[in-house]
Amino acid sequence: MKKALLLFLATPLLAFAQDATSLWDIDYPIEKINETTYKVQVTNFDSLHTSETTFLSFMNTGKNKPNGTLLVFDENGAKRRKAIYENGVRVGKHQRWYDTGELYSETTWKSGKCHSSEGFYKSGKIKHTGDYEDPDNSVYKSYYENGQLKSGTDWSNNSDKSWYENGNPKSERNSKSNIYKEWHENGQIKTEGKTQRGWNRIGTWKYYNEAGELTRELTYKDGNVSWYGDEKGYDSEKKY
């Protein structure tokens, strides 16, 4: 279940949260700048970083990388990424920049594994943080630009929480208690129910309006396959 939660909630981090073997034997030409620094220039950097698996695999693996610092420049000559490789693995502090020069993210690597990460808004304020040194106790947090905590995931207890920008709770799920809750932005409870193994809906799920009044109940049987965020698959419905 921890693996499922990791895949579902941390998809944006997977591009740099693990070392990977290149899916294709396609390498981007590496140009030597000096004895310890090299560079690569790519076109359409922003779309490559988010959707083009060959480029992501190229960056995530130390295969065919010289020892030292590798800088990535976009088609306009702007520096967009910095990675450090040593004996075929990623090490040290890796960085990425917006096309306008502001720092986008920093990750710290040891022996080819990502141990921590920080993401930033263009304003320089923290956007997200992650601590992955102990995979079973990893913690990921995201923030609104005003500094208010937006979401948090803790793999030690397989739980996640989210908040509205005004600081009120938005949702909470915990596999140990098998309870899931959502709130309206005004702080009133919106939805609550039980889960199996922290994931699938079971039993009676209750829905409330913004005044806190019960408006609906859905009942799920054992073995229901709907996950906690999807109301499909209920056995009966009662409206108030």
Protein backbone atom coordinates (compact mmCIF):
# COMPACT_ATOMS: atom_id res chain seq x y z
CA MET A 1 0.00 0.00 0.00
CA LYS A 2 2.92 2.35 0.68
CA LYS A 3 4.05 1.82 -2.90
CA ALA A 4 0.56 2.65 -4.19
CA LEU A 5 0.41 5.82 -2.10
CA LEU A 6 3.86 6.85 -3.27
CA LEU A 7 2.91 6.43 -6.92
CA PHE A 8 -0.41 8.24 -6.52
CA LEU A 9 0.74 11.23 -4.48
CA ALA A 10 4.32 11.70 -5.47
CA THR A 11 4.13 11.33 -9.21
CA PRO A 12 5.59 14.85 -9.76
CA LEU A 13 8.67 13.79 -7.82
CA LEU A 14 9.34 10.50 -9.53
CA ALA A 15 11.36 12.18 -12.26
CA PHE A 16 14.14 12.86 -9.77
CA ALA A 17 13.32 10.75 -6.70
CA GLN A 18 14.90 7.58 -8.03
CA ASP A 19 17.81 6.51 -10.15
CA ALA A 20 16.71 4.82 -13.38
CA THR A 21 18.30 2.92 -16.22
CA SER A 22 17.81 4.61 -19.59
CA LEU A 23 14.87 3.19 -21.48
CA TRP A 24 16.58 3.83 -24.78
CA ASP A 25 20.22 3.92 -25.81
CA ILE A 26 19.82 7.54 -26.84
CA ASP A 27 22.35 10.00 -25.48
CA TYR A 28 22.42 13.76 -25.81
CA PRO A 29 25.81 15.05 -27.04
CA ILE A 30 27.96 16.10 -24.08
CA GLU A 31 30.44 18.93 -24.61
CA LYS A 32 33.44 19.38 -22.34
CA ILE A 33 33.87 22.87 -20.86
CA ASN A 34 36.85 22.11 -18.60
CA GLU A 35 38.30 19.18 -16.64
CA THR A 36 35.34 18.99 -14.25
CA THR A 37 32.44 20.63 -16.09
CA TYR A 38 30.42 19.53 -19.11
CA LYS A 39 27.31 20.75 -20.87
CA VAL A 40 24.35 19.59 -22.91
CA GLN A 41 22.05 21.82 -24.96
CA VAL A 42 18.46 20.73 -25.65
CA THR A 43 15.49 22.26 -27.42
CA ASN A 44 11.99 22.46 -25.92
CA PHE A 45 13.41 21.97 -22.44
CA ASP A 46 10.18 22.54 -20.54
CA SER A 47 8.19 19.93 -22.42
CA LEU A 48 11.15 17.50 -22.32
CA HIS A 49 11.40 17.81 -18.54
CA THR A 50 7.77 16.91 -17.96
CA SER A 51 6.82 14.47 -20.71
CA GLU A 52 9.75 13.23 -22.77
CA THR A 53 10.94 10.04 -21.11
CA THR A 54 14.20 9.74 -23.03
CA PHE A 55 15.50 13.03 -21.64
CA LEU A 56 14.39 12.21 -18.10
CA SER A 57 16.08 8.82 -18.27
CA PHE A 58 19.22 10.49 -19.65
CA MET A 59 19.35 12.80 -16.63
CA ASN A 60 18.36 10.21 -14.02
CA THR A 61 21.07 7.71 -14.86
CA GLY A 62 24.81 8.05 -14.51
CA LYS A 63 25.33 5.80 -17.51
CA ASN A 64 27.88 7.22 -19.97
CA LYS A 65 28.34 10.35 -17.84
CA PRO A 66 31.84 11.70 -17.19
CA ASN A 67 32.80 12.44 -13.59
CA GLY A 68 31.97 16.04 -12.77
CA THR A 69 29.24 18.63 -13.21
CA LEU A 70 26.82 18.45 -16.14
CA LEU A 71 25.01 21.67 -17.07
CA VAL A 72 21.89 21.64 -19.24
CA PHE A 73 21.09 24.70 -21.39
CA ASP A 74 17.88 25.32 -23.32
CA GLU A 75 17.60 26.45 -26.94
CA ASN A 76 17.96 30.07 -25.85
CA GLY A 77 21.22 29.43 -24.02
CA ALA A 78 19.72 29.73 -20.53
CA LYS A 79 21.07 27.38 -17.85
CA ARG A 80 18.20 25.13 -16.75
CA ARG A 81 19.71 22.19 -14.84
CA LYS A 82 22.86 21.15 -13.02
CA ALA A 83 23.68 17.55 -12.13
CA ILE A 84 26.77 15.94 -10.62
CA TYR A 85 27.92 12.42 -11.49
CA GLU A 86 30.66 10.34 -9.89
CA ASN A 87 31.61 6.84 -11.03
CA GLY A 88 28.32 6.40 -12.85
CA VAL A 89 25.96 7.63 -10.12
CA ARG A 90 24.37 10.95 -9.15
CA VAL A 91 25.85 12.68 -6.10
CA GLY A 92 25.73 16.06 -4.39
CA LYS A 93 23.35 18.95 -4.93
CA HIS A 94 21.38 19.08 -8.20
CA GLN A 95 19.51 22.18 -9.32
CA ARG A 96 16.96 23.32 -11.86
CA TRP A 97 16.04 26.89 -12.91
CA TYR A 98 13.03 28.61 -14.47
CA ASP A 99 13.59 30.00 -17.98
CA THR A 100 13.73 33.44 -16.36
CA GLY A 101 16.63 32.44 -14.10
CA GLU A 102 14.94 31.89 -10.75
CA LEU A 103 15.75 28.69 -8.85
CA TYR A 104 13.08 26.03 -9.52
CA SER A 105 14.30 23.12 -7.38
CA GLU A 106 17.22 21.56 -5.50
CA THR A 107 17.76 17.88 -4.76
CA THR A 108 20.49 16.19 -2.73
CA TRP A 109 21.84 12.85 -3.92
CA LYS A 110 23.98 10.18 -2.25
CA SER A 111 25.17 7.06 -4.07
CA GLY A 112 22.62 7.57 -6.83
CA LYS A 113 19.63 7.98 -4.52
CA CYS A 114 17.71 11.19 -3.85
CA HIS A 115 17.76 11.99 -0.12
CA SER A 116 15.96 15.34 -0.08
CA SER A 117 14.30 17.89 -2.32
CA GLU A 118 13.08 21.47 -2.28
CA GLY A 119 10.95 23.26 -4.87
CA PHE A 120 10.48 27.02 -5.15
CA TYR A 121 8.04 29.54 -6.56
CA LYS A 122 9.54 32.23 -8.79
CA SER A 123 9.28 34.54 -5.80
CA GLY A 124 11.81 32.35 -4.00
CA LYS A 125 9.28 31.04 -1.50
CA ILE A 126 9.19 27.32 -0.73
CA LYS A 127 6.78 25.31 -2.91
CA HIS A 128 7.51 21.80 -1.64
CA THR A 129 10.00 19.83 0.46
CA GLY A 130 10.81 16.14 0.65
CA ASP A 131 12.92 13.92 2.90
CA TYR A 132 13.55 10.49 1.37
CA GLU A 133 16.67 9.31 3.22
CA ASP A 134 14.67 6.52 4.88
CA PRO A 135 12.16 5.29 2.27
CA ASP A 136 9.84 3.82 4.91
CA ASN A 137 9.71 7.13 6.79
CA SER A 138 9.75 9.60 3.90
CA VAL A 139 7.90 12.90 4.34
CA TYR A 140 6.69 15.20 1.56
CA LYS A 141 5.09 18.63 2.08
CA SER A 142 3.79 21.26 -0.32
CA TYR A 143 3.00 24.91 0.40
CA TYR A 144 0.93 27.76 -0.97
CA GLU A 145 2.96 30.79 -1.97
CA ASN A 146 1.78 32.61 1.15
CA GLY A 147 3.63 29.99 3.23
CA GLN A 148 0.53 28.09 4.35
CA LEU A 149 0.93 24.31 4.31
CA LYS A 150 -0.98 22.86 1.33
CA SER A 151 -0.46 19.10 1.69
CA GLY A 152 1.60 16.59 3.60
CA THR A 153 2.36 12.91 3.08
CA ASP A 154 4.02 10.71 5.71
CA TRP A 155 5.03 7.21 4.58
CA SER A 156 5.84 6.10 8.14
CA ASN A 157 2.12 5.82 8.89
CA ASN A 158 0.83 5.83 5.29
CA SER A 159 -1.16 9.01 5.75
CA ASP A 160 -1.77 12.26 3.92
CA LYS A 161 -3.42 15.58 4.75
CA SER A 162 -4.29 18.73 2.82
CA TRP A 163 -5.33 22.26 3.76
CA TYR A 164 -7.08 25.21 2.15
CA GLU A 165 -5.10 28.40 1.59
CA ASN A 166 -6.88 29.96 4.60
CA GLY A 167 -5.38 27.25 6.84
CA ASN A 168 -8.53 25.19 7.37
CA PRO A 169 -8.22 21.43 6.85
CA LYS A 170 -9.29 20.12 3.44
CA SER A 171 -8.80 16.33 3.65
CA GLU A 172 -7.20 13.65 5.81
CA ARG A 173 -6.54 9.96 5.21
CA ASN A 174 -4.78 7.48 7.50
CA SER A 175 -4.27 3.79 6.82
CA LYS A 176 -3.81 2.95 10.50
CA SER A 177 -7.17 4.36 11.57
CA ASN A 178 -8.74 3.61 8.16
CA ILE A 179 -10.64 6.91 8.36
CA TYR A 180 -11.04 9.42 5.54
CA LYS A 181 -12.44 12.95 5.98
CA GLU A 182 -13.00 16.04 3.87
CA TRP A 183 -14.00 19.52 4.99
CA HIS A 184 -15.65 22.52 3.35
CA GLU A 185 -13.47 25.63 3.14
CA ASN A 186 -15.44 27.18 6.03
CA GLY A 187 -14.26 24.37 8.32
CA GLN A 188 -17.46 22.31 8.36
CA ILE A 189 -17.16 18.59 7.74
CA LYS A 190 -17.96 17.64 4.13
CA THR A 191 -17.41 13.86 3.86
CA GLU A 192 -16.37 11.08 6.22
CA GLY A 193 -16.11 7.33 5.97
CA LYS A 194 -14.01 4.22 6.56
CA THR A 195 -11.56 2.51 4.22
CA GLN A 196 -10.05 -0.93 3.84
CA ARG A 197 -6.27 -0.86 4.12
CA GLY A 198 -6.47 2.93 3.85
CA TRP A 199 -7.61 2.84 0.24
CA ASN A 200 -11.00 1.28 -0.66
CA ARG A 201 -14.33 2.57 0.65
CA ILE A 202 -16.30 0.36 3.04
CA GLY A 203 -19.35 0.80 5.28
CA THR A 204 -21.37 4.03 5.47
CA TRP A 205 -20.01 7.26 4.01
CA LYS A 206 -21.69 10.49 5.08
CA TYR A 207 -21.95 13.80 3.20
CA TYR A 208 -22.71 17.20 4.73
CA ASN A 209 -23.51 20.67 3.40
CA GLU A 210 -21.60 23.82 4.37
CA ALA A 211 -23.92 24.33 7.34
CA GLY A 212 -22.85 20.96 8.75
CA GLU A 213 -26.17 19.24 7.97
CA LEU A 214 -26.23 15.59 6.86
CA THR A 215 -27.46 15.44 3.25
CA ARG A 216 -26.56 11.98 1.97
CA GLU A 217 -25.28 8.54 2.96
CA LEU A 218 -23.65 5.92 0.72
CA THR A 219 -23.13 2.34 1.89
CA TYR A 220 -20.37 0.11 0.54
CA LYS A 221 -20.00 -3.65 0.94
CA ASP A 222 -16.82 -5.50 1.81
CA GLY A 223 -14.70 -5.99 -1.29
CA ASN A 224 -15.69 -2.71 -2.94
CA VAL A 225 -12.95 -1.60 -5.35
CA SER A 226 -13.62 2.15 -5.36
CA TRP A 227 -10.77 4.15 -3.83
CA TYR A 228 -11.47 6.73 -1.14
CA GLY A 229 -11.69 9.64 -3.61
CA ASP A 230 -14.26 7.94 -5.88
CA GLU A 231 -17.85 7.41 -4.72
CA LYS A 232 -18.66 4.80 -7.39
CA GLY A 233 -19.52 1.24 -6.41
CA TYR A 234 -21.87 1.93 -3.49
CA ASP A 235 -24.54 -0.63 -2.63
CA SER A 236 -27.21 1.79 -1.41
CA GLU A 237 -27.88 5.52 -1.16
CA LYS A 238 -29.95 7.55 1.29
CA LYS A 239 -30.71 11.26 0.86
CA TYR A 240 -31.91 13.73 3.51
